[in-house]
Every structure is written in C-alpha cells, then in structure tokens.
Amino acid sequence: MATHSALECFAKAGKMEPNHLFNGFGPLQPAVAIGTNADLDVNTDVFSKAAVTVIYAVLFVVGCVGNSITVYALLTRRSLQNLQSTVHYHLTSLAVSDLLILVLSMPIELYNFIWFHHPWRFGDAVCRGYYFLRDSCSYATALNIASLSVERYMAIIHPFKTKSIMSRSRTKKLISLMWITSFILSTPMVFIMGQETRQGENICTVVVSDLTMKTVLQVNAFLSFVVPMVVISVLNGIIANQLLQMFREAEQDNPTSLNVTVESNRAQSLHHGVLVLRAVVIAFVICWLPYHARRLMFCYVSNWSDGLMDFYHYFYMLTNVLFYVSSAINPVLYNLVSATYRQTFFSKLRYFCLLCRRSPRRNSRPFTRHSISVSNTTTTNFIKETAY
C-alpha cells in the first residue's frame, strides 16, 4: 500500500487543469505543467532518494530474511506445528503476505517511482497486475493481523471452546477465504490502473475518473485499516485485561517452595503477553495510519498550494517507509515472542548463514524449562507457548 512520485497536468480550454498520477497504493499530488516531459518529474533531491533507497534496502533484507525463515520454520519444524493452537497457520499466512509485499513492490517502486518516474517500461499488463497483486497482499496482511487477534482471543479467553471451534481444518478454510476475499477486493485495481501515453511517454496511471478512484481509496481505507484496527484494538484490549487479571492472581498466590519457579515463570509470561499485545496495536497504528491519512488527504483536499504539494510528496515517502516497516517487523512482533519459535528462528538463521550449528544439548534446554509451566493451566499453556 503506497503511493509514489510522478505528476502531470495539462492545459484544457485555455486554462490549467490538474490531473493525478497513481503510484503504488495512492494518488500523487497535483502539479502545474508547462507542456514538456519534465512535467512528469518530481523534484526530489538526490539525498532524499539515496536515504529512501538505503532504508528500503535494509527493510528489504530484514523483511525477506525474517519472513522467509518464518515460513520455512513454521512449515518444517514439528515442534512449532504441534502447538496446541492453530496460530502457526495464521503466522505462516501473514509471513507470506508480508514477503510478497516486499518482493513485488519494493524493486518496482525504487526503480520507477523513486528514481525514474517515467517512462513506464513494463507494459499495460504489468501495470494493472502490479497494483492488483500489491493491493491483494496488503488486504491479506490486514486480514491476517485481524484474524490472528481473533485466534488469540479464542485461545486465551475461551481455551476450551477453541479446540472444537478453531480446528486445523476450519483454520485452513478461513485463511483460504481471507486470501480469496483479498483478491476480490483488489479486482477494481485491474480496471482503475493502466498504461497511457502522456507527452510522448508511457506512464502507469489512473484511467478512470477521479470520483471512481477516490471511492475505491475510501473503501480500501475502511476495509484494510478501520475494520482491522477496531478488531485488534477491542480484542487485544480484552486479552490484555484478562492477562493482567491473571498476572495479579499469580502475584497474590502463596506457592510452596516447590512451585515458586512455576509461579514466577507464569507471572513473567503473563506480563510479557500484555506488553506484546500493546506493541501489536501501537505498531499497527504507527505503520498504517499515516499511509491511509495521506490517501484520505488526497481525497478531501481540494486546494493544493505549492507548499502543501511539497509536503505531500515527502509525506508520501515517509508513509511508504512506515508501511514497509510493518512488513519487516511482523516476524518480530508475531513470532519471536514465542520461546520455542525464537530458538528455532535463530537456529535456522545460523544454519543458513553457516555461522554455527547447534548441539543436541543446547537444543533440549529451552524445551525442558519451558514445559515446567505448561502443566499449570490450559490458558497459561496458550500464553506461554505463543502469547501472540
């Protein structure tokens, strides 16, 4: 979900009327044209381009490595697949959508929207397909985050019902339905975007009326941000309150000397779970709200001054960076909070980097220690293995 940088205005009926190009996941600011190919350019200073490129490169490497190892570990590590909940299905789907966003979007964005705004060299089919796939993955990411909150809500608040309601078969069907829904919701992009020739240059731009485009943007903001935001905020708030209550109960308990370690581990796990839940909501707001605010800014602002256009252009780059940060940090927020996953993740990372290999003895320690608190309660077991 992102917008990039190329502008165009052309003269009609003796006066200048602004048109808008559409790059990434949102429209660009209007500009005044003089009638040359230079009008398709955006005056971005080289320092800003270089800075964005470096940031994108770091996010690309971190996000691709993190999400790739996440998918590999969740699909191949039996200890992760045998978690009592179905959370690993949601984590795998989320990692796939984040990985696709980075792989499909970043290279084209850097080349054709950050450094070289024109011409569009990839043809009409790629133009339409690019925006369709990018929107699809963005919808999928938002829906996966929301569904993960629902899964955690069921696992922690209603642990006994979860086994019958959230079965593996139903979870797979739910995730498949989310991806199908994402593709359906992104279908308008195939008809909204297209390649056109302006001032002798091919560009990938909006080929429908401004009203149609703005309607699609507003619907997208509602379905891919407002709805998921409400879901994760409400459910995570309920979960956090439940964990805090359990944390207070654990502190008030008077365990025997044999159970001191068990209760201490349980309390620490509950407190950690609350922090993770708060981090999930905060990260979602910080990474996604500015992006959608920029898109809605385009929809509702009618008078564009030069200063406002300059602000919009650089604000656009900032919001894109934050959007990609979301795809890069999701492995940390949703996977590394599990001790079992964390051990597997770094083991796979060391293996792929050929830095070192883990010994059997190092393999067993975390699992033995981790199992101490598993027998405490069913609810604690869900929290201990993967609070999120």
Protein backbone atom coordinates (compact mmCIF):
# COMPACT_ATOMS: atom_id res chain seq x y z
CA MET A 1 0.00 0.00 0.00
CA ALA A 2 1.86 3.00 -1.09
CA THR A 3 1.96 5.92 -3.43
CA HIS A 4 4.88 7.24 -5.31
CA SER A 5 6.06 10.11 -7.35
CA ALA A 6 5.14 11.20 -10.81
CA LEU A 7 2.89 14.08 -11.68
CA GLU A 8 1.18 15.52 -14.66
CA CYS A 9 -1.04 18.46 -15.51
CA PHE A 10 -2.15 19.54 -18.94
CA ALA A 11 -3.92 22.54 -20.43
CA LYS A 12 -7.56 22.37 -21.42
CA ALA A 13 -9.85 25.09 -22.71
CA GLY A 14 -7.23 27.75 -22.17
CA LYS A 15 -6.53 27.01 -18.51
CA MET A 16 -4.50 24.53 -16.48
CA GLU A 17 -6.43 21.59 -15.04
CA PRO A 18 -4.67 19.22 -12.68
CA ASN A 19 -4.63 15.52 -13.33
CA HIS A 20 -3.27 12.95 -10.95
CA LEU A 21 -1.00 10.02 -11.38
CA PHE A 22 -1.35 6.98 -9.23
CA ASN A 23 1.77 5.28 -8.00
CA GLY A 24 1.82 2.40 -5.60
CA PHE A 25 -1.23 2.47 -3.41
CA GLY A 26 -2.37 6.04 -3.64
CA PRO A 27 -2.54 9.13 -5.75
CA LEU A 28 0.06 11.78 -6.01
CA GLN A 29 -0.30 15.45 -5.53
CA PRO A 30 -1.45 17.70 -8.36
CA ALA A 31 1.08 19.87 -10.13
CA VAL A 32 1.20 22.56 -12.75
CA ALA A 33 2.64 21.61 -16.08
CA ILE A 34 4.42 23.58 -18.72
CA GLY A 35 3.96 21.11 -21.52
CA THR A 36 7.24 19.21 -21.57
CA ASN A 37 8.38 15.80 -20.41
CA ALA A 38 9.89 17.49 -17.39
CA ASP A 39 6.34 17.93 -16.13
CA LEU A 40 6.25 14.22 -15.40
CA ASP A 41 9.13 14.56 -12.95
CA VAL A 42 9.07 15.29 -9.27
CA ASN A 43 11.85 17.45 -7.90
CA THR A 44 13.12 15.07 -5.26
CA ASP A 45 16.62 15.90 -4.07
CA VAL A 46 19.27 13.22 -4.50
CA PHE A 47 19.87 12.99 -0.75
CA SER A 48 16.24 12.04 -0.15
CA LYS A 49 16.35 9.46 -2.93
CA ALA A 50 19.55 7.95 -1.55
CA ALA A 51 18.20 7.92 2.00
CA VAL A 52 14.99 6.19 0.94
CA THR A 53 16.99 3.69 -1.11
CA VAL A 54 19.20 2.77 1.85
CA ILE A 55 16.20 2.42 4.16
CA TYR A 56 14.36 0.32 1.59
CA ALA A 57 17.40 -1.92 1.13
CA VAL A 58 17.67 -2.54 4.88
CA LEU A 59 13.95 -3.22 5.21
CA PHE A 60 14.03 -5.48 2.16
CA VAL A 61 16.85 -7.63 3.54
CA VAL A 62 15.48 -7.75 7.08
CA GLY A 63 11.92 -8.39 5.93
CA CYS A 64 12.76 -11.02 3.33
CA VAL A 65 15.12 -12.92 5.64
CA GLY A 66 12.76 -12.71 8.61
CA ASN A 67 9.62 -13.70 6.73
CA SER A 68 11.36 -16.41 4.69
CA ILE A 69 12.80 -18.07 7.79
CA THR A 70 9.41 -17.71 9.46
CA VAL A 71 7.68 -19.59 6.64
CA TYR A 72 10.42 -22.23 6.49
CA ALA A 73 10.47 -22.77 10.25
CA LEU A 74 6.70 -22.96 10.60
CA LEU A 75 6.36 -25.41 7.72
CA THR A 76 9.24 -27.71 8.64
CA ARG A 77 9.65 -27.57 12.43
CA ARG A 78 7.37 -30.13 14.04
CA SER A 79 7.65 -28.57 17.48
CA LEU A 80 6.05 -25.40 16.08
CA GLN A 81 3.39 -27.27 14.13
CA ASN A 82 2.40 -29.17 17.28
CA LEU A 83 1.48 -26.05 19.26
CA GLN A 84 -1.88 -26.59 20.89
CA SER A 85 -3.38 -23.67 18.98
CA THR A 86 -3.62 -23.10 15.24
CA VAL A 87 -1.60 -19.90 15.48
CA HIS A 88 1.17 -21.20 13.21
CA TYR A 89 -1.24 -21.23 10.24
CA HIS A 90 -2.01 -17.56 10.76
CA LEU A 91 1.66 -16.70 11.22
CA THR A 92 2.60 -18.51 8.01
CA SER A 93 -0.10 -16.70 6.02
CA LEU A 94 0.97 -13.35 7.48
CA ALA A 95 4.63 -14.01 6.65
CA VAL A 96 3.73 -14.95 3.07
CA SER A 97 1.71 -11.76 2.52
CA ASP A 98 4.47 -9.60 4.02
CA LEU A 99 7.10 -11.34 1.92
CA LEU A 100 5.09 -10.83 -1.27
CA ILE A 101 4.61 -7.13 -0.48
CA LEU A 102 8.37 -6.65 -0.18
CA VAL A 103 9.30 -8.72 -3.22
CA LEU A 104 6.59 -7.44 -5.56
CA SER A 105 6.57 -3.79 -4.55
CA MET A 106 9.98 -2.54 -3.49
CA PRO A 107 12.03 -3.18 -6.67
CA ILE A 108 9.48 -1.58 -9.00
CA GLU A 109 8.85 1.28 -6.60
CA LEU A 110 12.53 2.13 -6.26
CA TYR A 111 13.15 1.98 -9.99
CA ASN A 112 10.07 3.56 -11.49
CA PHE A 113 8.72 5.77 -8.71
CA ILE A 114 11.66 6.89 -6.61
CA TRP A 115 14.50 7.27 -9.14
CA PHE A 116 12.99 7.24 -12.65
CA HIS A 117 9.42 8.48 -12.78
CA HIS A 118 9.00 7.88 -16.49
CA PRO A 119 8.68 6.15 -18.83
CA TRP A 120 6.88 3.07 -17.57
CA ARG A 121 8.79 0.25 -19.23
CA PHE A 122 6.85 -2.84 -18.20
CA GLY A 123 3.69 -2.66 -20.30
CA ASP A 124 -0.03 -2.36 -19.57
CA ALA A 125 -0.47 -5.89 -18.18
CA VAL A 126 2.31 -5.47 -15.62
CA CYS A 127 0.92 -2.05 -14.64
CA ARG A 128 -2.50 -3.49 -13.88
CA GLY A 129 -1.12 -6.69 -12.36
CA TYR A 130 1.33 -4.81 -10.17
CA TYR A 131 -1.36 -2.78 -8.44
CA PHE A 132 -3.74 -5.72 -8.24
CA LEU A 133 -1.19 -8.01 -6.56
CA ARG A 134 0.07 -5.27 -4.29
CA ASP A 135 -3.41 -4.37 -3.09
CA SER A 136 -4.21 -8.07 -2.67
CA CYS A 137 -1.19 -8.65 -0.43
CA SER A 138 -1.98 -5.53 1.56
CA TYR A 139 -5.55 -6.64 2.15
CA ALA A 140 -4.26 -10.10 3.07
CA THR A 141 -1.82 -8.65 5.61
CA ALA A 142 -4.53 -6.57 7.29
CA LEU A 143 -6.95 -9.50 7.37
CA ASN A 144 -4.25 -11.83 8.69
CA ILE A 145 -3.45 -9.43 11.53
CA ALA A 146 -7.14 -9.22 12.41
CA SER A 147 -7.66 -12.99 12.20
CA LEU A 148 -4.60 -13.56 14.37
CA SER A 149 -6.18 -11.34 17.03
CA VAL A 150 -9.38 -13.39 16.80
CA GLU A 151 -7.41 -16.63 17.14
CA ARG A 152 -5.53 -15.36 20.19
CA TYR A 153 -8.76 -14.08 21.72
CA MET A 154 -10.34 -17.51 21.39
CA ALA A 155 -7.23 -19.32 22.62
CA ILE A 156 -6.78 -17.20 25.75
CA ILE A 157 -10.32 -16.15 26.70
CA HIS A 158 -12.13 -19.32 25.58
CA PRO A 159 -9.42 -22.01 25.59
CA PHE A 160 -11.76 -25.00 25.84
CA LYS A 161 -14.05 -23.86 23.03
CA THR A 162 -11.06 -23.17 20.81
CA LYS A 163 -10.24 -26.84 20.31
CA SER A 164 -13.63 -27.51 18.72
CA ILE A 165 -14.29 -24.17 17.02
CA MET A 166 -10.81 -23.32 15.73
CA SER A 167 -9.85 -26.71 14.33
CA ARG A 168 -6.98 -27.02 11.88
CA SER A 169 -9.35 -27.77 9.02
CA ARG A 170 -11.51 -24.72 9.74
CA THR A 171 -8.46 -22.53 10.18
CA LYS A 172 -7.13 -23.53 6.76
CA LYS A 173 -10.50 -22.78 5.20
CA LEU A 174 -10.65 -19.42 6.97
CA ILE A 175 -7.20 -18.41 5.72
CA SER A 176 -8.06 -19.52 2.18
CA LEU A 177 -11.25 -17.45 2.37
CA MET A 178 -9.26 -14.40 3.51
CA TRP A 179 -6.93 -14.65 0.52
CA ILE A 180 -9.85 -15.10 -1.89
CA THR A 181 -11.53 -12.06 -0.31
CA SER A 182 -8.32 -10.07 -0.71
CA PHE A 183 -8.18 -10.89 -4.42
CA ILE A 184 -11.84 -9.95 -4.88
CA LEU A 185 -11.44 -6.63 -3.05
CA SER A 186 -8.40 -5.81 -5.20
CA THR A 187 -10.10 -6.57 -8.52
CA PRO A 188 -11.07 -2.89 -9.10
CA MET A 189 -7.36 -2.08 -9.43
CA VAL A 190 -7.26 -4.04 -12.70
CA PHE A 191 -9.73 -1.57 -14.20
CA ILE A 192 -8.61 1.59 -12.41
CA MET A 193 -4.95 1.41 -13.40
CA GLY A 194 -3.42 1.15 -16.85
CA GLN A 195 -0.69 2.32 -19.18
CA GLU A 196 -1.24 5.56 -21.06
CA THR A 197 0.91 7.79 -23.22
CA ARG A 198 1.24 11.36 -21.99
CA GLN A 199 3.53 13.89 -23.61
CA GLY A 200 5.25 11.13 -25.58
CA GLU A 201 5.99 8.98 -22.51
CA ASN A 202 4.34 5.77 -21.32
CA ILE A 203 3.14 6.02 -17.73
CA CYS A 204 1.27 3.71 -15.37
CA THR A 205 -1.60 5.84 -14.13
CA VAL A 206 -5.28 6.06 -13.28
CA VAL A 207 -7.52 5.51 -16.31
CA VAL A 208 -10.87 6.29 -14.65
CA SER A 209 -12.47 9.40 -13.21
CA ASP A 210 -11.21 10.97 -10.00
CA LEU A 211 -14.54 10.21 -8.31
CA THR A 212 -14.20 6.49 -9.03
CA MET A 213 -10.62 6.40 -7.82
CA LYS A 214 -11.42 8.30 -4.62
CA THR A 215 -14.33 5.98 -3.88
CA VAL A 216 -12.05 2.97 -4.18
CA LEU A 217 -9.45 4.61 -1.91
CA GLN A 218 -12.02 5.36 0.77
CA VAL A 219 -13.43 1.83 0.69
CA ASN A 220 -9.90 0.46 0.85
CA ALA A 221 -9.03 2.61 3.86
CA PHE A 222 -12.17 1.46 5.66
CA LEU A 223 -11.74 -2.26 4.95
CA SER A 224 -7.97 -2.53 5.25
CA PHE A 225 -7.42 -0.18 8.20
CA VAL A 226 -10.53 0.90 10.12
CA VAL A 227 -12.08 -2.57 10.40
CA PRO A 228 -8.82 -4.39 11.32
CA MET A 229 -7.93 -1.56 13.72
CA VAL A 230 -11.23 -1.93 15.57
CA VAL A 231 -10.87 -5.71 15.69
CA ILE A 232 -7.31 -5.81 17.03
CA SER A 233 -7.89 -2.92 19.45
CA VAL A 234 -11.03 -4.38 21.01
CA LEU A 235 -9.88 -8.00 21.15
CA ASN A 236 -6.35 -7.19 22.28
CA GLY A 237 -7.81 -4.92 24.95
CA ILE A 238 -9.96 -7.78 26.24
CA ILE A 239 -7.00 -10.16 26.16
CA ALA A 240 -4.74 -7.67 27.93
CA ASN A 241 -7.30 -7.19 30.72
CA GLN A 242 -7.57 -10.95 31.12
CA LEU A 243 -3.80 -11.35 31.27
CA LEU A 244 -3.49 -8.52 33.80
CA GLN A 245 -6.10 -10.18 35.99
CA MET A 246 -4.24 -13.48 35.79
CA PHE A 247 -0.98 -11.64 36.50
CA ARG A 248 -2.44 -10.12 39.69
CA GLU A 249 -3.76 -13.51 40.77
CA ALA A 250 -0.34 -15.05 40.20
CA GLU A 251 1.28 -12.34 42.33
CA GLN A 252 -1.20 -12.88 45.16
CA ASP A 253 -0.73 -16.64 45.25
CA ASN A 254 1.34 -18.14 48.06
CA PRO A 255 3.00 -21.06 46.33
CA THR A 256 5.04 -23.66 48.14
CA SER A 257 8.78 -23.69 47.71
CA LEU A 258 8.45 -26.36 45.03
CA ASN A 259 6.17 -24.15 42.93
CA VAL A 260 7.99 -20.84 43.27
CA THR A 261 9.72 -21.22 39.90
CA VAL A 262 6.48 -22.29 38.22
CA GLU A 263 4.51 -19.29 39.51
CA SER A 264 7.35 -16.90 38.75
CA ASN A 265 7.56 -18.13 35.17
CA ARG A 266 3.80 -17.90 34.82
CA ALA A 267 3.67 -14.31 36.07
CA GLN A 268 6.55 -13.30 33.84
CA SER A 269 4.84 -14.89 30.84
CA LEU A 270 1.55 -13.11 31.56
CA HIS A 271 3.25 -9.73 31.93
CA HIS A 272 5.20 -10.32 28.74
CA GLY A 273 1.97 -11.18 26.92
CA VAL A 274 0.42 -7.85 27.90
CA LEU A 275 3.43 -5.95 26.57
CA VAL A 276 3.26 -7.85 23.29
CA LEU A 277 -0.43 -7.04 22.86
CA ARG A 278 0.22 -3.35 23.38
CA ALA A 279 3.12 -3.45 20.93
CA VAL A 280 0.90 -5.06 18.28
CA VAL A 281 -1.69 -2.27 18.45
CA ILE A 282 0.90 0.52 18.59
CA ALA A 283 2.88 -0.88 15.65
CA PHE A 284 -0.25 -1.25 13.53
CA VAL A 285 -1.30 2.35 14.19
CA ILE A 286 2.16 3.85 13.61
CA CYS A 287 2.81 1.92 10.39
CA TRP A 288 -0.63 2.06 8.77
CA LEU A 289 -2.36 5.23 9.99
CA PRO A 290 -0.02 7.76 8.25
CA TYR A 291 -0.34 5.88 4.97
CA HIS A 292 -4.13 5.94 4.99
CA ALA A 293 -4.15 9.52 6.27
CA ARG A 294 -2.12 10.53 3.22
CA ARG A 295 -4.51 8.76 0.87
CA LEU A 296 -7.54 10.39 2.50
CA MET A 297 -5.71 13.70 2.38
CA PHE A 298 -5.65 13.38 -1.39
CA CYS A 299 -9.36 12.58 -1.43
CA TYR A 300 -10.52 15.52 0.67
CA VAL A 301 -8.05 18.34 -0.02
CA SER A 302 -9.27 20.40 -2.97
CA ASN A 303 -6.90 23.39 -2.96
CA TRP A 304 -3.24 22.47 -3.33
CA SER A 305 -0.67 25.17 -2.66
CA ASP A 306 2.96 24.71 -3.64
CA GLY A 307 3.92 24.19 0.00
CA LEU A 308 1.19 21.62 0.51
CA MET A 309 2.26 19.74 -2.61
CA ASP A 310 5.86 19.63 -1.41
CA PHE A 311 4.72 18.38 1.99
CA TYR A 312 2.56 15.72 0.37
CA HIS A 313 5.43 14.45 -1.76
CA TYR A 314 7.81 13.90 1.16
CA PHE A 315 5.00 12.76 3.43
CA TYR A 316 4.28 10.12 0.83
CA MET A 317 7.84 8.77 1.05
CA LEU A 318 7.67 8.69 4.84
CA THR A 319 4.37 6.80 4.85
CA ASN A 320 5.72 4.26 2.36
CA VAL A 321 8.73 3.63 4.58
CA LEU A 322 6.46 3.05 7.58
CA PHE A 323 4.30 0.70 5.54
CA TYR A 324 7.30 -1.44 4.65
CA VAL A 325 8.48 -1.31 8.26
CA SER A 326 5.25 -3.10 9.12
CA SER A 327 6.11 -5.98 6.80
CA ALA A 328 9.66 -6.17 8.17
CA ILE A 329 8.84 -6.14 11.89
CA ASN A 330 5.90 -8.54 11.84
CA PRO A 331 8.22 -11.56 12.28
CA VAL A 332 9.47 -9.92 15.47
CA LEU A 333 6.06 -8.99 16.84
CA TYR A 334 4.20 -12.15 15.95
CA ASN A 335 6.86 -14.85 16.01
CA LEU A 336 9.86 -14.03 18.17
CA VAL A 337 7.66 -13.62 21.24
CA SER A 338 7.44 -17.41 21.42
CA ALA A 339 10.44 -19.01 23.13
CA THR A 340 10.01 -22.15 21.03
CA TYR A 341 9.89 -20.18 17.83
CA ARG A 342 12.71 -17.88 18.86
CA GLN A 343 15.05 -20.81 19.35
CA THR A 344 14.05 -22.31 16.01
CA PHE A 345 14.34 -18.98 14.20
CA PHE A 346 17.90 -18.26 15.26
CA SER A 347 18.86 -21.88 14.72
CA LYS A 348 17.68 -21.66 11.11
CA LEU A 349 19.33 -18.27 10.70
CA ARG A 350 22.68 -19.61 11.89
CA TYR A 351 22.28 -22.63 9.67
CA PHE A 352 21.62 -20.60 6.54
CA CYS A 353 24.44 -18.20 7.35
CA LEU A 354 26.82 -21.12 8.03
CA LEU A 355 27.96 -19.45 11.23
CA CYS A 356 27.50 -22.32 13.62
CA ARG A 357 25.46 -25.39 14.36
CA ARG A 358 23.51 -26.09 17.47
CA SER A 359 24.42 -29.09 19.62
CA PRO A 360 21.76 -31.57 20.81
CA ARG A 361 22.27 -30.41 24.40
CA ARG A 362 21.56 -26.77 23.52
CA ASN A 363 18.51 -27.96 21.63
CA SER A 364 16.87 -29.50 24.64
CA ARG A 365 17.31 -26.88 27.35
CA PRO A 366 14.62 -24.35 26.41
CA PHE A 367 12.04 -27.08 25.85
CA THR A 368 12.67 -28.64 29.27
CA ARG A 369 12.49 -25.32 31.07
CA HIS A 370 9.50 -24.23 29.04
CA SER A 371 7.49 -27.32 29.89
CA ILE A 372 7.56 -26.56 33.63
CA SER A 373 4.75 -24.01 33.37
CA VAL A 374 2.77 -25.78 30.68
CA SER A 375 1.01 -28.02 33.15
CA ASN A 376 -0.21 -25.06 35.21
CA THR A 377 -3.43 -24.34 33.34
CA THR A 378 -4.74 -24.72 29.84
CA THR A 379 -4.96 -20.95 29.42
CA THR A 380 -1.40 -20.43 30.62
CA ASN A 381 -0.23 -23.03 28.13
CA PHE A 382 -1.60 -20.99 25.25
CA ILE A 383 0.02 -17.85 26.61
CA LYS A 384 3.36 -19.46 27.41
CA GLU A 385 3.91 -21.03 24.02
CA THR A 386 2.90 -18.04 21.99
CA ALA A 387 1.14 -15.11 23.58
CA TYR A 388 0.76 -13.79 20.10
